[in-house]
Amino acid sequence: MRAVTVIPGDQRPLADVLAELERSHGRGDIAQGGHTVAALVSAEYLESLEETIAVATDPELVAAIAEGKAELEAGLGIPAPDVEAEFLNRS
């Protein structure tokens, strides 16, 4: 993610700033008096943030992720090539 800083003296049209945000999938900080007072974010970046918050605030998902990590660390996982082969054989 790349930040784009927009200051009051910035003479670029808003459409140009938005196009840059869309290309960079990042955020644009709007500064006033040397301090960020607002931020614009690309729709993709906002969606990513919302998904992260949804997962992080779902106790069942957090527990399932922790359980999966523990299983992998204990060597209980199935190797990716085996999973891939199983799915390819189903076709």
C-alpha atoms as a PDB file:
ATOM      1  CA  MET A   1       0.000   0.000   0.000  1.00  0.00           C
ATOM      2  CA  ARG A   2       1.304   3.405  -0.962  1.00  0.00           C
ATOM      3  CA  ALA A   3       0.168   6.590   0.768  1.00  0.00           C
ATOM      4  CA  VAL A   4      -0.652   9.669  -1.277  1.00  0.00           C
ATOM      5  CA  THR A   5      -0.539  12.906   0.665  1.00  0.00           C
ATOM      6  CA  VAL A   6      -2.911  15.620  -0.471  1.00  0.00           C
ATOM      7  CA  ILE A   7      -2.380  19.081   0.978  1.00  0.00           C
ATOM      8  CA  PRO A   8      -4.651  22.120   0.630  1.00  0.00           C
ATOM      9  CA  GLY A   9      -2.327  23.709  -1.957  1.00  0.00           C
ATOM     10  CA  ASP A  10      -2.416  20.596  -4.155  1.00  0.00           C
ATOM     11  CA  GLN A  11      -3.895  21.746  -7.454  1.00  0.00           C
ATOM     12  CA  ARG A  12      -4.465  18.290  -8.947  1.00  0.00           C
ATOM     13  CA  PRO A  13      -8.073  17.558  -9.831  1.00  0.00           C
ATOM     14  CA  LEU A  14      -9.745  15.174  -7.409  1.00  0.00           C
ATOM     15  CA  ALA A  15     -10.205  12.712 -10.283  1.00  0.00           C
ATOM     16  CA  ASP A  16      -6.406  12.475 -10.635  1.00  0.00           C
ATOM     17  CA  VAL A  17      -5.950  11.839  -6.921  1.00  0.00           C
ATOM     18  CA  LEU A  18      -8.668   9.158  -6.984  1.00  0.00           C
ATOM     19  CA  ALA A  19      -7.114   7.505 -10.040  1.00  0.00           C
ATOM     20  CA  GLU A  20      -3.770   7.341  -8.231  1.00  0.00           C
ATOM     21  CA  LEU A  21      -5.442   5.792  -5.177  1.00  0.00           C
ATOM     22  CA  GLU A  22      -7.156   3.216  -7.356  1.00  0.00           C
ATOM     23  CA  ARG A  23      -3.863   2.285  -9.049  1.00  0.00           C
ATOM     24  CA  SER A  24      -1.948   2.052  -5.771  1.00  0.00           C
ATOM     25  CA  HIS A  25      -4.744   0.383  -3.772  1.00  0.00           C
ATOM     26  CA  GLY A  26      -3.719   2.623  -0.929  1.00  0.00           C
ATOM     27  CA  ARG A  27      -4.791   5.670   0.976  1.00  0.00           C
ATOM     28  CA  GLY A  28      -4.503   9.391   0.516  1.00  0.00           C
ATOM     29  CA  ASP A  29      -3.917  11.543   3.550  1.00  0.00           C
ATOM     30  CA  ILE A  30      -5.375  15.033   3.532  1.00  0.00           C
ATOM     31  CA  ALA A  31      -3.216  17.339   5.604  1.00  0.00           C
ATOM     32  CA  GLN A  32      -3.988  20.710   7.066  1.00  0.00           C
ATOM     33  CA  GLY A  33      -1.549  22.657   9.172  1.00  0.00           C
ATOM     34  CA  GLY A  34       0.960  19.827   8.908  1.00  0.00           C
ATOM     35  CA  HIS A  35      -1.405  17.262  10.416  1.00  0.00           C
ATOM     36  CA  THR A  36      -3.474  14.588   8.738  1.00  0.00           C
ATOM     37  CA  VAL A  37      -7.128  15.537   9.142  1.00  0.00           C
ATOM     38  CA  ALA A  38      -8.752  12.970   6.856  1.00  0.00           C
ATOM     39  CA  ALA A  39      -7.927  10.039   4.619  1.00  0.00           C
ATOM     40  CA  LEU A  40      -9.265   8.700   1.356  1.00  0.00           C
ATOM     41  CA  VAL A  41      -8.865   4.979   0.694  1.00  0.00           C
ATOM     42  CA  SER A  42      -9.405   2.899  -2.398  1.00  0.00           C
ATOM     43  CA  ALA A  43     -12.480   0.683  -2.366  1.00  0.00           C
ATOM     44  CA  GLU A  44     -10.220  -2.392  -2.547  1.00  0.00           C
ATOM     45  CA  TYR A  45      -8.232  -1.267   0.492  1.00  0.00           C
ATOM     46  CA  LEU A  46     -11.409  -0.506   2.461  1.00  0.00           C
ATOM     47  CA  GLU A  47     -12.832  -3.926   1.605  1.00  0.00           C
ATOM     48  CA  SER A  48      -9.606  -5.557   2.786  1.00  0.00           C
ATOM     49  CA  LEU A  49      -9.763  -3.649   6.083  1.00  0.00           C
ATOM     50  CA  GLU A  50     -13.411  -4.615   6.592  1.00  0.00           C
ATOM     51  CA  GLU A  51     -12.638  -8.294   5.940  1.00  0.00           C
ATOM     52  CA  THR A  52      -9.723  -8.184   8.376  1.00  0.00           C
ATOM     53  CA  ILE A  53     -11.923  -6.640  11.063  1.00  0.00           C
ATOM     54  CA  ALA A  54     -14.677  -9.186  10.425  1.00  0.00           C
ATOM     55  CA  VAL A  55     -12.265 -12.099  10.864  1.00  0.00           C
ATOM     56  CA  ALA A  56     -10.474 -10.577  13.861  1.00  0.00           C
ATOM     57  CA  THR A  57     -13.736  -9.955  15.713  1.00  0.00           C
ATOM     58  CA  ASP A  58     -15.263 -13.398  15.066  1.00  0.00           C
ATOM     59  CA  PRO A  59     -14.267 -15.603  18.013  1.00  0.00           C
ATOM     60  CA  GLU A  60     -15.058 -18.823  16.113  1.00  0.00           C
ATOM     61  CA  LEU A  61     -12.860 -17.842  13.167  1.00  0.00           C
ATOM     62  CA  VAL A  62     -10.032 -16.720  15.448  1.00  0.00           C
ATOM     63  CA  ALA A  63     -10.231 -20.050  17.297  1.00  0.00           C
ATOM     64  CA  ALA A  64     -10.303 -22.041  14.037  1.00  0.00           C
ATOM     65  CA  ILE A  65      -7.245 -20.189  12.737  1.00  0.00           C
ATOM     66  CA  ALA A  66      -5.378 -20.804  16.009  1.00  0.00           C
ATOM     67  CA  GLU A  67      -6.357 -24.482  15.924  1.00  0.00           C
ATOM     68  CA  GLY A  68      -5.152 -24.807  12.327  1.00  0.00           C
ATOM     69  CA  LYS A  69      -1.833 -23.155  13.137  1.00  0.00           C
ATOM     70  CA  ALA A  70      -1.344 -25.468  16.127  1.00  0.00           C
ATOM     71  CA  GLU A  71      -2.079 -28.519  13.967  1.00  0.00           C
ATOM     72  CA  LEU A  72       0.440 -27.383  11.354  1.00  0.00           C
ATOM     73  CA  GLU A  73       3.087 -26.767  14.014  1.00  0.00           C
ATOM     74  CA  ALA A  74       2.418 -30.274  15.404  1.00  0.00           C
ATOM     75  CA  GLY A  75       2.948 -31.750  11.942  1.00  0.00           C
ATOM     76  CA  LEU A  76      -0.692 -32.750  11.576  1.00  0.00           C
ATOM     77  CA  GLY A  77      -1.260 -30.947   8.298  1.00  0.00           C
ATOM     78  CA  ILE A  78      -1.654 -32.545   4.895  1.00  0.00           C
ATOM     79  CA  PRO A  79       1.127 -31.603   2.453  1.00  0.00           C
ATOM     80  CA  ALA A  80      -0.077 -29.208  -0.245  1.00  0.00           C
ATOM     81  CA  PRO A  81       0.950 -31.532  -3.126  1.00  0.00           C
ATOM     82  CA  ASP A  82      -1.260 -34.268  -1.633  1.00  0.00           C
ATOM     83  CA  VAL A  83      -4.248 -31.922  -1.385  1.00  0.00           C
ATOM     84  CA  GLU A  84      -3.645 -30.707  -4.935  1.00  0.00           C
ATOM     85  CA  ALA A  85      -3.399 -34.266  -6.255  1.00  0.00           C
ATOM     86  CA  GLU A  86      -6.643 -35.222  -4.537  1.00  0.00           C
ATOM     87  CA  PHE A  87      -8.510 -32.293  -6.095  1.00  0.00           C
ATOM     88  CA  LEU A  88      -7.007 -32.929  -9.536  1.00  0.00           C
ATOM     89  CA  ASN A  89      -8.065 -36.576  -9.367  1.00  0.00           C
ATOM     90  CA  ARG A  90     -11.682 -35.540  -8.692  1.00  0.00           C
ATOM     91  CA  SER A  91     -12.016 -33.805 -12.055  1.00  0.00           C
END
